[in-house]
Protein backbone atom coordinates (compact mmCIF):
# COMPACT_ATOMS: atom_id res chain seq x y z
CA MET A 1 16.28 2.72 -6.65
CA ASN A 2 18.84 2.68 -9.17
CA ARG A 3 18.54 5.33 -12.03
CA PHE A 4 16.62 3.01 -14.53
CA GLU A 5 14.19 2.00 -12.01
CA PHE A 6 13.93 6.02 -10.78
CA GLY A 7 13.14 6.46 -14.54
CA ILE A 8 10.21 3.93 -14.28
CA LEU A 9 8.92 5.46 -11.42
CA VAL A 10 8.63 8.96 -13.09
CA SER A 11 7.56 7.60 -16.29
CA SER A 12 4.81 5.85 -14.46
CA LEU A 13 3.63 8.57 -12.70
CA ARG A 14 3.67 11.00 -15.96
CA GLU A 15 1.70 8.24 -17.79
CA ASP A 16 -0.87 8.43 -14.78
CA LEU A 17 -1.53 11.80 -15.58
CA HIS A 18 -1.85 10.68 -19.19
CA TRP A 19 0.60 13.32 -20.20
CA THR A 20 3.41 13.23 -22.81
CA GLN A 21 6.87 13.79 -21.92
CA LYS A 22 6.61 17.63 -23.38
CA ASP A 23 3.78 18.25 -21.13
CA LEU A 24 5.75 17.48 -17.80
CA SER A 25 8.59 19.16 -19.27
CA LEU A 26 6.08 22.31 -19.67
CA LYS A 27 4.64 21.39 -16.34
CA SER A 28 8.09 20.82 -14.37
CA GLY A 29 10.27 23.85 -16.07
CA ILE A 30 12.58 20.98 -16.83
CA ASN A 31 13.78 20.79 -20.39
CA LEU A 32 12.21 18.28 -23.05
CA SER A 33 15.67 16.33 -23.45
CA ALA A 34 16.32 16.30 -19.67
CA ILE A 35 12.95 14.45 -18.95
CA ARG A 36 14.01 11.82 -21.24
CA ASN A 37 17.27 11.09 -20.11
CA ILE A 38 15.54 10.76 -16.76
CA GLU A 39 13.28 8.27 -17.57
CA ARG A 40 15.46 6.21 -19.87
CA GLY A 41 18.00 6.01 -16.66
CA GLU A 42 20.49 8.08 -18.21
CA ARG A 43 20.61 11.25 -16.03
CA LYS A 44 23.24 10.41 -13.31
CA LEU A 45 23.06 13.96 -11.34
CA LEU A 46 19.78 14.48 -10.09
CA THR A 47 20.08 17.87 -8.46
CA ASP A 48 17.91 19.27 -5.52
CA ASN A 49 16.44 21.64 -7.78
CA THR A 50 15.71 18.83 -10.35
CA LEU A 51 13.91 16.75 -7.82
CA ILE A 52 11.82 20.06 -6.77
CA LYS A 53 10.82 20.62 -10.23
CA LEU A 54 9.52 17.27 -10.81
CA ALA A 55 7.77 16.76 -7.47
CA ASN A 56 6.03 19.99 -8.13
CA GLY A 57 5.04 19.17 -11.88
CA LEU A 58 3.85 15.61 -11.27
CA HIS A 59 1.63 17.45 -8.73
CA LEU A 60 2.80 15.05 -5.50
CA THR A 61 1.80 15.43 -2.08
CA SER A 62 4.34 16.13 0.74
CA VAL A 63 4.44 12.11 1.77
CA GLU A 64 4.69 11.41 -2.17
CA ARG A 65 7.65 13.89 -2.38
CA MET A 66 9.36 12.25 0.43
CA GLU A 67 9.29 8.87 -1.52
CA LEU A 68 9.89 10.68 -4.61
CA MET A 69 13.13 12.34 -3.09
CA SER A 70 14.26 8.60 -1.43
CA ALA A 71 13.64 6.66 -4.35
CA ALA A 72 16.17 9.18 -6.13
CA SER A 73 19.05 8.43 -4.04
CA GLY A 74 20.51 6.12 -6.50
CA VAL A 75 20.89 3.46 -4.10
CA ALA A 76 19.20 0.14 -4.53
CA GLU A 77 16.60 -1.35 -2.19
CA LEU A 78 18.73 -4.26 -1.17
CA GLU A 79 21.64 -2.14 -0.75
CA LYS A 80 19.63 -0.34 2.00
CA PHE A 81 19.66 -3.51 4.24
CA ARG A 82 22.38 -4.57 6.26
CA MET A 83 23.56 -7.66 4.83
CA ALA A 84 24.42 -10.32 7.62
CA ASP A 85 27.73 -11.96 7.77
CA ASP A 86 28.45 -15.92 6.64
CA ASP A 87 26.94 -17.30 10.13
CA PRO A 88 24.03 -19.04 9.11
CA ASN A 89 22.41 -18.22 12.39
CA GLN A 90 22.64 -14.81 11.12
CA GLN A 91 20.77 -14.88 7.77
CA PHE A 92 17.03 -13.62 7.62
CA ASP A 93 14.93 -16.80 7.32
CA PRO A 94 11.79 -15.71 5.96
CA LYS A 95 9.57 -18.69 7.05
CA ALA A 96 10.90 -18.88 10.95
CA PHE A 97 10.33 -14.63 10.55
CA LEU A 98 6.39 -14.93 9.18
CA LYS A 99 5.99 -17.57 11.72
CA GLN A 100 7.34 -15.59 14.74
CA ALA A 101 5.35 -12.75 13.54
CA GLY A 102 2.19 -14.77 13.34
CA GLU A 103 2.85 -16.07 16.55
CA GLN A 104 2.74 -12.46 17.64
CA ILE A 105 0.00 -11.19 16.36
CA ALA A 106 -2.31 -14.01 17.16
CA ARG A 107 -1.65 -13.22 20.66
CA ILE A 108 -3.11 -9.57 20.52
CA LYS A 109 -6.49 -9.06 21.52
CA ILE A 110 -7.50 -6.23 18.86
CA PRO A 111 -7.95 -6.80 15.39
CA VAL A 112 -4.52 -6.70 13.62
CA LEU A 113 -3.05 -7.26 10.00
CA ILE A 114 0.36 -7.00 8.35
CA THR A 115 1.06 -5.89 4.68
CA ASP A 116 4.10 -5.71 2.53
CA GLN A 117 4.82 -2.86 0.26
CA PHE A 118 2.55 -3.85 -2.42
CA CYS A 119 -0.25 -3.42 0.40
CA ASP A 120 -1.10 -7.19 0.06
CA ILE A 121 -2.08 -8.53 3.16
CA LEU A 122 0.40 -10.95 4.57
CA LEU A 123 -0.98 -12.06 7.95
CA VAL A 124 -3.93 -11.54 9.92
CA ASN A 125 -5.44 -12.58 13.64
CA HIS A 126 -8.30 -14.36 13.93
CA SER A 127 -9.84 -11.13 15.78
CA LEU A 128 -9.65 -9.49 12.28
CA ILE A 129 -11.22 -12.40 10.26
CA GLU A 130 -14.24 -12.13 12.62
CA PHE A 131 -14.15 -8.34 13.27
CA TYR A 132 -14.67 -7.75 9.41
CA GLY A 133 -16.33 -10.94 8.41
CA PHE A 134 -14.63 -11.38 5.10
CA PRO A 135 -16.59 -13.13 2.47
CA ALA A 136 -15.80 -16.25 1.99
CA GLU A 137 -15.71 -16.23 -2.09
CA LEU A 138 -13.36 -13.01 -1.56
CA VAL A 139 -10.83 -14.98 0.15
CA GLN A 140 -11.44 -18.29 -1.57
CA SER A 141 -10.95 -17.01 -5.23
CA ALA A 142 -7.87 -14.56 -4.36
CA GLY A 143 -5.62 -17.17 -6.33
CA ASN A 144 -7.33 -16.15 -9.10
CA PHE A 145 -6.19 -12.31 -9.25
CA ILE A 146 -3.20 -10.67 -9.04
CA SER A 147 -4.99 -8.48 -6.48
CA GLY A 148 -5.74 -11.83 -4.84
CA PHE A 149 -4.91 -10.32 -1.03
CA ASN A 150 -4.04 -6.60 -1.86
CA THR A 151 -6.17 -4.39 0.28
CA MET A 152 -7.40 -2.53 -2.90
CA ARG A 153 -9.57 -5.64 -3.65
CA TYR A 154 -10.96 -5.80 -0.42
CA ILE A 155 -11.82 -1.99 -0.74
CA PHE A 156 -13.18 -2.33 -4.30
CA ASP A 157 -14.00 -5.90 -5.34
CA PRO A 158 -17.98 -5.97 -6.04
CA LEU A 159 -17.76 -9.32 -3.66
CA SER A 160 -16.22 -7.13 -0.72
CA ASN A 161 -18.30 -6.56 2.54
CA PHE A 162 -16.68 -2.94 2.69
CA PRO A 163 -18.70 -0.53 0.96
CA GLY A 164 -21.87 -1.92 2.94
CA THR A 165 -20.22 -0.73 6.23
CA PHE A 166 -20.44 2.89 4.74
CA SER A 167 -23.01 5.16 3.72
CA VAL A 168 -22.58 5.97 0.29
CA ASP A 169 -21.03 9.26 0.67
CA SER A 170 -18.55 8.56 3.32
CA TYR A 171 -17.63 5.00 1.63
CA GLU A 172 -16.24 7.55 -1.59
CA LYS A 173 -14.15 9.43 1.15
CA GLN A 174 -13.12 6.13 2.75
CA ALA A 175 -11.88 4.71 -0.79
CA VAL A 176 -10.42 8.00 -1.80
CA LEU A 177 -8.11 7.82 1.36
CA ASN A 178 -7.45 4.53 0.88
CA VAL A 179 -6.19 5.28 -2.59
CA ARG A 180 -4.26 7.74 -1.75
CA TYR A 181 -2.59 5.52 0.78
CA PHE A 182 -1.82 3.14 -1.95
CA ARG A 183 -0.63 5.22 -4.25
CA LYS A 184 2.07 6.32 -1.33
CA ARG A 185 2.73 3.15 0.04
CA THR A 186 3.74 1.77 -3.33
CA MET A 187 6.07 4.43 -5.18
CA ARG A 188 9.22 2.52 -4.58
CA VAL A 189 8.18 -0.34 -5.91
CA ARG A 190 6.63 1.39 -9.08
CA SER A 191 9.56 -0.20 -11.13
CA LYS A 192 8.58 -3.73 -10.62
CA PRO A 193 6.86 -5.38 -13.18
CA HIS A 194 4.55 -7.09 -10.79
CA PHE A 195 3.20 -3.15 -9.93
CA SER A 196 2.06 -2.61 -13.23
CA LYS A 197 0.49 -5.91 -13.47
CA LEU A 198 -1.29 -5.13 -10.30
CA LEU A 199 -2.19 -1.62 -11.55
CA SER A 200 -3.45 -2.77 -14.87
CA GLU A 201 -6.05 -5.24 -13.27
CA LEU A 202 -7.44 -2.52 -10.94
CA LEU A 203 -7.96 -0.34 -13.41
CA ASP A 204 -10.21 -2.94 -14.97
CA VAL A 205 -13.72 -1.56 -14.83
CA GLU A 206 -15.60 -4.88 -15.47
CA LYS A 207 -13.32 -6.07 -12.28
CA TYR A 208 -13.25 -3.14 -9.88
CA PRO A 209 -15.54 -0.56 -11.56
CA SER A 210 -15.05 2.21 -9.28
CA PHE A 211 -11.48 2.15 -8.79
CA GLU A 212 -10.69 4.00 -11.34
CA ARG A 213 -12.62 6.61 -10.50
CA CYS A 214 -11.22 7.11 -7.19
CA TRP A 215 -7.68 6.51 -8.56
CA ARG A 216 -8.06 9.77 -10.90
CA LYS A 217 -9.87 11.70 -8.41
CA VAL A 218 -6.66 11.32 -6.24
CA LEU A 219 -4.11 12.19 -9.27
CA PHE A 220 -5.96 15.62 -9.48
CA GLU A 221 -7.54 16.76 -6.28
CA GLU A 222 -6.16 20.17 -4.52
CA SER A 223 -6.11 18.58 -0.76
CA ASN A 224 -2.46 17.57 0.68
CA ALA A 225 -4.20 15.68 3.20
CA TYR A 226 -2.76 12.27 3.73
CA SER A 227 -2.13 11.25 7.31
CA THR A 228 -5.78 10.84 8.30
CA PRO A 229 -6.02 7.13 9.40
CA TRP A 230 -8.66 4.81 7.85
CA SER A 231 -11.42 5.19 10.10
CA ARG A 232 -15.19 4.23 10.66
CA GLU A 233 -16.99 6.75 13.09
CA PHE A 234 -20.50 6.51 14.16
CA PRO A 235 -21.77 7.26 17.65
CA ASP A 236 -23.11 4.59 19.57
CA SER A 237 -22.23 1.52 17.08
CA ASP A 238 -20.30 -1.57 17.64
CA PHE A 239 -18.34 -0.89 14.33
CA SER A 240 -16.55 2.45 14.92
CA PHE A 241 -13.08 2.29 14.99
CA THR A 242 -9.47 3.76 13.82
CA MET A 243 -6.87 1.86 12.07
CA TYR A 244 -3.14 2.99 12.68
CA GLU A 245 -0.20 1.60 11.03
CA THR A 246 3.14 1.21 12.25
CA LEU A 247 6.30 0.36 10.50
CA PHE A 248 6.65 -3.74 11.82
CA ALA A 249 10.14 -4.61 10.16
CA VAL A 250 12.78 -3.75 7.51
CA THR A 251 13.82 -7.09 5.48
CA PRO A 252 15.60 -8.14 2.52
CA PHE A 253 12.29 -7.94 0.76
CA GLY A 254 10.90 -4.85 1.59
CA GLU A 255 9.39 -3.22 4.62
CA LEU A 256 6.48 -4.65 6.46
CA TYR A 257 3.18 -2.60 8.17
CA MET A 258 1.32 -3.41 11.05
CA HIS A 259 -2.04 -1.93 11.32
CA GLN A 260 -4.25 -2.01 14.42
CA ILE A 261 -7.88 -1.67 14.62
CA LEU A 262 -8.65 0.50 17.64
CA PRO A 263 -12.02 0.98 19.14
CA THR A 264 -13.88 4.46 19.45
CA THR A 265 -16.93 3.60 20.91
CA ARG A 266 -17.61 1.62 24.04
CA GLN A 267 -19.63 -0.48 22.05
CA THR A 268 -17.13 -1.23 19.51
CA ALA A 269 -14.39 -1.85 22.67
CA GLU A 270 -17.06 -4.58 24.13
CA ARG A 271 -17.72 -6.26 20.71
CA ILE A 272 -13.86 -6.71 20.04
CA ASN A 273 -13.41 -8.17 23.64
CA ALA A 274 -16.35 -10.72 22.75
CA ILE A 275 -14.61 -11.40 19.55
CA SER A 276 -11.02 -12.06 21.24
CA LYS A 277 -12.79 -14.37 24.03
CA LYS A 278 -15.02 -15.96 20.70
CA VAL A 279 -11.81 -16.88 18.37
CA GLY A 280 -9.40 -17.40 21.09
CA GLU A 281 -5.52 -16.62 19.63
CA GLY A 282 -4.63 -17.55 16.15
CA TYR A 283 -3.58 -15.86 12.89
CA GLU A 284 -3.79 -17.12 9.16
CA GLN A 285 -1.23 -16.30 6.38
CA PHE A 286 -2.74 -14.71 3.30
CA ALA A 287 -0.38 -13.73 0.50
CA VAL A 288 3.22 -15.35 -0.02
CA PHE A 289 6.18 -13.88 1.64
CA PRO A 290 8.73 -13.45 0.01
CA ASP A 291 6.82 -13.27 -3.55
CA ILE A 292 9.05 -14.12 -6.37
CA ARG A 293 6.66 -12.29 -8.67
CA LYS A 294 7.62 -9.06 -6.78
CA GLN A 295 11.11 -9.36 -6.97
């Protein structure tokens, strides 16, 4: 991030808490004029002490602090990427890359999906579609929403079948865990206008009645936990699993992540095996990549 983008990030984190610049100054111990300069992108030198005070004042978790420190480097995201030479065979080809990635996950026998920095779902294999049983209306109406294929829409849209797979208490826990993950993953794209539009839509209680409650809960929770994977644990269930994430690719258009569904009961393993035999190999592309709206 350059300094201007970093200033937008700090401003966004402050506004999440419904704080003024003066509030952040008091909470962080950084003088008000410095806060203003940081948010305007005019503070060229960000010392370690200043960053620590910002992270403490904004009540960031450990992984969020790491993202903040990385964003404060002053190096633009594209400059972190090693650019290819003039040989056209060495240039990054998004279409070819996505096709290759799709063909790779198509052959994987367990449910798999790939997401971008905004947590939009780019690719899914047929096993995942069958495993979750995405409601057709949820997929078909995606083009009507900024959050169309975002993981937060699957968690919080009233049309989703996700809440029905958990008890009320368990759903709330899983929803908060996923919001915490969404908050961390999107830290370095908060300066993008697309993120502002996405968050604004998610906070619309008419569209997503429970997202704002979980978002606010994450902001003020005392727990520092993050690394607990998304899981659904029920003994003797055929829908009991843990989801693990790995960094899948670093591209000029941001990092991509692979998410794998790992069964935690014999019944679930047998169900996934049966699904794999039923649907065979294949994949679908959901969100656009690269998406010009996100640049």
